[in-house]
């Protein structure tokens, strides 16, 4: 449990903006991609508008095709392809996504960013409450948990502000 909290906290810190809030899209479907935050100290993921179908396979196909906005980049290794996308018959609301073996090469923050780009994108499809991602049918063993949801991702800077207050209590007065 402690390891899980640490991972969620780490993900929250990495996904939250340090200098300004990342706003969630107002309306319509979006695809989530990486922003290059390591250079700008901003949000690690950002949304690109999407005008296609809202079904999971269409969303995944568009996401894997890559961004059209110049300031975004794909978190997926070159050559990653969708193998299957099916509903889990035993767990309503859970979508099982199987990607090609290249996805299995991701680790650490690269894996977290790719996982949550998928989870955030697919959470817009009707009925999707959680996503379980595999690479050629195999779960990533070093992921702290297999079932991912959009609610786990922190997309605003409240955590960064709270940490700043802890670091400099005089600034909060």
C-alpha atoms as a PDB file:
ATOM      1  CA  UNK A   1       0.000   0.000   0.000  1.00  0.00           C
ATOM      2  CA  UNK A   2       2.845   2.382   0.843  1.00  0.00           C
ATOM      3  CA  UNK A   3       4.441   1.668  -2.545  1.00  0.00           C
ATOM      4  CA  UNK A   4       1.111   2.442  -4.233  1.00  0.00           C
ATOM      5  CA  UNK A   5       0.828   5.789  -2.427  1.00  0.00           C
ATOM      6  CA  UNK A   6       4.384   6.679  -3.424  1.00  0.00           C
ATOM      7  CA  UNK A   7       3.681   5.859  -7.068  1.00  0.00           C
ATOM      8  CA  UNK A   8       0.451   7.877  -7.084  1.00  0.00           C
ATOM      9  CA  UNK A   9       2.239  10.800  -5.412  1.00  0.00           C
ATOM     10  CA  UNK A  10       5.102  10.602  -7.924  1.00  0.00           C
ATOM     11  CA  UNK A  11       2.669  10.493 -10.818  1.00  0.00           C
ATOM     12  CA  UNK A  12       0.729  13.388  -9.355  1.00  0.00           C
ATOM     13  CA  UNK A  13       3.874  15.481  -9.024  1.00  0.00           C
ATOM     14  CA  UNK A  14       4.999  14.663 -12.548  1.00  0.00           C
ATOM     15  CA  UNK A  15       1.599  15.282 -14.095  1.00  0.00           C
ATOM     16  CA  UNK A  16       0.862  18.464 -12.201  1.00  0.00           C
ATOM     17  CA  UNK A  17       2.049  21.807 -13.453  1.00  0.00           C
ATOM     18  CA  UNK A  18       4.737  23.639 -11.519  1.00  0.00           C
ATOM     19  CA  UNK A  19       4.138  27.121 -12.795  1.00  0.00           C
ATOM     20  CA  UNK A  20       0.584  27.274 -14.051  1.00  0.00           C
ATOM     21  CA  UNK A  21      -2.505  25.167 -14.127  1.00  0.00           C
ATOM     22  CA  UNK A  22      -3.220  22.855 -16.977  1.00  0.00           C
ATOM     23  CA  UNK A  23      -6.855  23.178 -17.765  1.00  0.00           C
ATOM     24  CA  UNK A  24      -8.929  20.228 -18.787  1.00  0.00           C
ATOM     25  CA  UNK A  25     -10.597  20.585 -22.174  1.00  0.00           C
ATOM     26  CA  UNK A  26     -13.934  22.376 -22.079  1.00  0.00           C
ATOM     27  CA  UNK A  27     -15.975  20.239 -24.476  1.00  0.00           C
ATOM     28  CA  UNK A  28     -15.590  17.541 -27.051  1.00  0.00           C
ATOM     29  CA  UNK A  29     -13.313  14.558 -27.329  1.00  0.00           C
ATOM     30  CA  UNK A  30      -9.562  14.850 -26.928  1.00  0.00           C
ATOM     31  CA  UNK A  31      -6.447  12.723 -27.310  1.00  0.00           C
ATOM     32  CA  UNK A  32      -3.797  12.945 -24.587  1.00  0.00           C
ATOM     33  CA  UNK A  33      -0.093  13.325 -25.469  1.00  0.00           C
ATOM     34  CA  UNK A  34       3.196  14.338 -23.855  1.00  0.00           C
ATOM     35  CA  UNK A  35       4.227  17.994 -23.770  1.00  0.00           C
ATOM     36  CA  UNK A  36       7.970  18.047 -23.179  1.00  0.00           C
ATOM     37  CA  UNK A  37       7.498  19.319 -19.616  1.00  0.00           C
ATOM     38  CA  UNK A  38      11.074  18.394 -18.702  1.00  0.00           C
ATOM     39  CA  UNK A  39      12.147  21.536 -20.522  1.00  0.00           C
ATOM     40  CA  UNK A  40       9.375  23.925 -19.462  1.00  0.00           C
ATOM     41  CA  UNK A  41       8.482  22.697 -15.944  1.00  0.00           C
ATOM     42  CA  UNK A  42       4.873  22.543 -17.031  1.00  0.00           C
ATOM     43  CA  UNK A  43       2.332  19.753 -17.338  1.00  0.00           C
ATOM     44  CA  UNK A  44       3.579  16.413 -18.656  1.00  0.00           C
ATOM     45  CA  UNK A  45       0.363  15.621 -20.565  1.00  0.00           C
ATOM     46  CA  UNK A  46      -1.871  17.844 -22.623  1.00  0.00           C
ATOM     47  CA  UNK A  47      -4.982  17.328 -24.718  1.00  0.00           C
ATOM     48  CA  UNK A  48      -5.399  17.682 -28.465  1.00  0.00           C
ATOM     49  CA  UNK A  49      -8.942  18.050 -29.885  1.00  0.00           C
ATOM     50  CA  UNK A  50     -10.345  14.977 -31.628  1.00  0.00           C
ATOM     51  CA  UNK A  51     -13.291  15.040 -34.028  1.00  0.00           C
ATOM     52  CA  UNK A  52     -13.652  11.314 -34.744  1.00  0.00           C
ATOM     53  CA  UNK A  53     -15.762   8.502 -33.344  1.00  0.00           C
ATOM     54  CA  UNK A  54     -16.059   8.066 -29.572  1.00  0.00           C
ATOM     55  CA  UNK A  55     -15.722   4.284 -29.606  1.00  0.00           C
ATOM     56  CA  UNK A  56     -12.596   2.844 -27.925  1.00  0.00           C
ATOM     57  CA  UNK A  57     -10.971   1.378 -31.043  1.00  0.00           C
ATOM     58  CA  UNK A  58     -11.316   4.633 -32.994  1.00  0.00           C
ATOM     59  CA  UNK A  59      -9.907   6.622 -30.064  1.00  0.00           C
ATOM     60  CA  UNK A  60      -6.946   4.223 -29.754  1.00  0.00           C
ATOM     61  CA  UNK A  61      -6.247   4.278 -33.493  1.00  0.00           C
ATOM     62  CA  UNK A  62      -6.173   8.081 -33.484  1.00  0.00           C
ATOM     63  CA  UNK A  63      -4.051   8.191 -30.315  1.00  0.00           C
ATOM     64  CA  UNK A  64      -1.487   5.733 -31.674  1.00  0.00           C
ATOM     65  CA  UNK A  65      -1.316   7.649 -34.971  1.00  0.00           C
ATOM     66  CA  UNK A  66       0.306  10.512 -33.045  1.00  0.00           C
ATOM     67  CA  UNK A  67      -0.423  14.175 -32.448  1.00  0.00           C
ATOM     68  CA  UNK A  68      -0.918  16.801 -35.109  1.00  0.00           C
ATOM     69  CA  UNK A  69      -0.046  19.701 -32.795  1.00  0.00           C
ATOM     70  CA  UNK A  70       3.635  20.594 -33.003  1.00  0.00           C
ATOM     71  CA  UNK A  71       4.044  21.143 -29.251  1.00  0.00           C
ATOM     72  CA  UNK A  72       2.951  17.578 -28.407  1.00  0.00           C
ATOM     73  CA  UNK A  73       4.638  14.221 -28.913  1.00  0.00           C
ATOM     74  CA  UNK A  74       3.600  10.610 -28.659  1.00  0.00           C
ATOM     75  CA  UNK A  75       4.539   8.698 -25.500  1.00  0.00           C
ATOM     76  CA  UNK A  76       4.551   5.420 -27.437  1.00  0.00           C
ATOM     77  CA  UNK A  77       7.584   3.647 -28.908  1.00  0.00           C
ATOM     78  CA  UNK A  78       7.838   3.601 -32.681  1.00  0.00           C
ATOM     79  CA  UNK A  79       5.849   0.761 -34.210  1.00  0.00           C
ATOM     80  CA  UNK A  80       3.366   0.218 -31.364  1.00  0.00           C
ATOM     81  CA  UNK A  81       0.139  -1.180 -32.787  1.00  0.00           C
ATOM     82  CA  UNK A  82      -3.198  -2.171 -31.345  1.00  0.00           C
ATOM     83  CA  UNK A  83      -3.591  -5.953 -31.129  1.00  0.00           C
ATOM     84  CA  UNK A  84      -7.037  -6.017 -29.532  1.00  0.00           C
ATOM     85  CA  UNK A  85      -9.496  -3.912 -27.581  1.00  0.00           C
ATOM     86  CA  UNK A  86     -12.253  -5.834 -25.783  1.00  0.00           C
ATOM     87  CA  UNK A  87     -14.555  -5.478 -22.801  1.00  0.00           C
ATOM     88  CA  UNK A  88     -13.783  -7.613 -19.761  1.00  0.00           C
ATOM     89  CA  UNK A  89     -16.797  -9.905 -19.391  1.00  0.00           C
ATOM     90  CA  UNK A  90     -16.185 -10.416 -15.659  1.00  0.00           C
ATOM     91  CA  UNK A  91     -15.659  -6.739 -14.766  1.00  0.00           C
ATOM     92  CA  UNK A  92     -18.224  -4.342 -16.248  1.00  0.00           C
ATOM     93  CA  UNK A  93     -16.700  -1.044 -17.338  1.00  0.00           C
ATOM     94  CA  UNK A  94     -13.183  -2.463 -17.766  1.00  0.00           C
ATOM     95  CA  UNK A  95     -11.623  -2.278 -21.201  1.00  0.00           C
ATOM     96  CA  UNK A  96      -8.796  -4.701 -22.016  1.00  0.00           C
ATOM     97  CA  UNK A  97      -6.240  -3.175 -24.378  1.00  0.00           C
ATOM     98  CA  UNK A  98      -3.523  -5.361 -25.861  1.00  0.00           C
ATOM     99  CA  UNK A  99      -0.724  -3.584 -27.718  1.00  0.00           C
ATOM    100  CA  UNK A 100       2.207  -4.921 -29.713  1.00  0.00           C
ATOM    101  CA  UNK A 101       5.428  -6.009 -28.025  1.00  0.00           C
ATOM    102  CA  UNK A 102       7.089  -2.578 -28.386  1.00  0.00           C
ATOM    103  CA  UNK A 103       4.845  -1.293 -25.582  1.00  0.00           C
ATOM    104  CA  UNK A 104       6.465  -3.790 -23.224  1.00  0.00           C
ATOM    105  CA  UNK A 105       9.782  -1.948 -23.581  1.00  0.00           C
ATOM    106  CA  UNK A 106       8.444   1.084 -21.694  1.00  0.00           C
ATOM    107  CA  UNK A 107       9.426   1.532 -18.052  1.00  0.00           C
ATOM    108  CA  UNK A 108       9.320   4.084 -15.237  1.00  0.00           C
ATOM    109  CA  UNK A 109       7.823   7.482 -16.060  1.00  0.00           C
ATOM    110  CA  UNK A 110       7.677   6.672 -19.790  1.00  0.00           C
ATOM    111  CA  UNK A 111       5.335   3.785 -18.989  1.00  0.00           C
ATOM    112  CA  UNK A 112       3.232   5.942 -16.651  1.00  0.00           C
ATOM    113  CA  UNK A 113       2.840   8.694 -19.243  1.00  0.00           C
ATOM    114  CA  UNK A 114       1.885   6.218 -21.986  1.00  0.00           C
ATOM    115  CA  UNK A 115      -0.507   4.370 -19.660  1.00  0.00           C
ATOM    116  CA  UNK A 116      -2.306   7.532 -18.608  1.00  0.00           C
ATOM    117  CA  UNK A 117      -2.427   8.927 -22.152  1.00  0.00           C
ATOM    118  CA  UNK A 118      -4.409   5.773 -22.967  1.00  0.00           C
ATOM    119  CA  UNK A 119      -6.510   5.793 -19.776  1.00  0.00           C
ATOM    120  CA  UNK A 120      -7.421   9.491 -20.091  1.00  0.00           C
ATOM    121  CA  UNK A 121      -8.252   9.144 -23.785  1.00  0.00           C
ATOM    122  CA  UNK A 122     -10.355   5.991 -23.398  1.00  0.00           C
ATOM    123  CA  UNK A 123     -12.209   7.278 -20.334  1.00  0.00           C
ATOM    124  CA  UNK A 124     -14.215   9.479 -22.709  1.00  0.00           C
ATOM    125  CA  UNK A 125     -15.836   6.457 -24.379  1.00  0.00           C
ATOM    126  CA  UNK A 126     -19.232   5.423 -23.038  1.00  0.00           C
ATOM    127  CA  UNK A 127     -19.021   2.853 -20.281  1.00  0.00           C
ATOM    128  CA  UNK A 128     -15.243   2.942 -19.753  1.00  0.00           C
ATOM    129  CA  UNK A 129     -14.465   3.078 -16.039  1.00  0.00           C
ATOM    130  CA  UNK A 130     -11.034   1.478 -16.148  1.00  0.00           C
ATOM    131  CA  UNK A 131      -8.416   0.210 -18.571  1.00  0.00           C
ATOM    132  CA  UNK A 132      -6.056  -2.723 -18.309  1.00  0.00           C
ATOM    133  CA  UNK A 133      -3.135  -2.583 -20.758  1.00  0.00           C
ATOM    134  CA  UNK A 134      -0.993  -5.511 -21.869  1.00  0.00           C
ATOM    135  CA  UNK A 135       1.797  -5.955 -24.404  1.00  0.00           C
ATOM    136  CA  UNK A 136       1.285  -9.076 -26.535  1.00  0.00           C
ATOM    137  CA  UNK A 137      -0.978 -10.479 -23.824  1.00  0.00           C
ATOM    138  CA  UNK A 138       1.499  -9.928 -20.974  1.00  0.00           C
ATOM    139  CA  UNK A 139       0.996  -7.498 -18.100  1.00  0.00           C
ATOM    140  CA  UNK A 140       3.837  -5.186 -17.220  1.00  0.00           C
ATOM    141  CA  UNK A 141       5.115  -6.729 -13.997  1.00  0.00           C
ATOM    142  CA  UNK A 142       6.703  -3.567 -12.567  1.00  0.00           C
ATOM    143  CA  UNK A 143       3.494  -1.542 -12.742  1.00  0.00           C
ATOM    144  CA  UNK A 144       2.141  -1.093  -9.185  1.00  0.00           C
ATOM    145  CA  UNK A 145      -1.394  -1.980 -10.321  1.00  0.00           C
ATOM    146  CA  UNK A 146      -2.886  -3.157 -13.588  1.00  0.00           C
ATOM    147  CA  UNK A 147      -6.285  -1.446 -13.612  1.00  0.00           C
ATOM    148  CA  UNK A 148      -5.905   2.225 -14.574  1.00  0.00           C
ATOM    149  CA  UNK A 149      -8.524   4.961 -14.409  1.00  0.00           C
ATOM    150  CA  UNK A 150      -8.652   8.598 -15.436  1.00  0.00           C
ATOM    151  CA  UNK A 151      -9.483   9.604 -11.852  1.00  0.00           C
ATOM    152  CA  UNK A 152      -5.968   8.606 -10.757  1.00  0.00           C
ATOM    153  CA  UNK A 153      -4.296  11.216 -12.942  1.00  0.00           C
ATOM    154  CA  UNK A 154      -3.795  14.644 -11.372  1.00  0.00           C
ATOM    155  CA  UNK A 155      -4.022  17.290 -14.071  1.00  0.00           C
ATOM    156  CA  UNK A 156      -3.792  20.543 -12.155  1.00  0.00           C
ATOM    157  CA  UNK A 157      -1.216  22.268  -9.991  1.00  0.00           C
ATOM    158  CA  UNK A 158      -2.815  22.080  -6.507  1.00  0.00           C
ATOM    159  CA  UNK A 159      -0.223  19.537  -5.396  1.00  0.00           C
ATOM    160  CA  UNK A 160       2.662  21.682  -6.623  1.00  0.00           C
ATOM    161  CA  UNK A 161       1.215  24.678  -4.779  1.00  0.00           C
ATOM    162  CA  UNK A 162       0.809  22.623  -1.606  1.00  0.00           C
ATOM    163  CA  UNK A 163       4.434  21.480  -1.827  1.00  0.00           C
ATOM    164  CA  UNK A 164       5.590  25.063  -2.382  1.00  0.00           C
ATOM    165  CA  UNK A 165       3.704  26.096   0.774  1.00  0.00           C
ATOM    166  CA  UNK A 166       5.376  23.290   2.739  1.00  0.00           C
ATOM    167  CA  UNK A 167       8.791  24.317   1.446  1.00  0.00           C
ATOM    168  CA  UNK A 168       8.262  28.035   2.229  1.00  0.00           C
ATOM    169  CA  UNK A 169       5.595  28.470   4.965  1.00  0.00           C
ATOM    170  CA  UNK A 170       6.260  32.225   5.092  1.00  0.00           C
ATOM    171  CA  UNK A 171       5.019  32.546   1.478  1.00  0.00           C
ATOM    172  CA  UNK A 172       1.571  31.234   2.414  1.00  0.00           C
ATOM    173  CA  UNK A 173       0.764  34.044   4.862  1.00  0.00           C
END
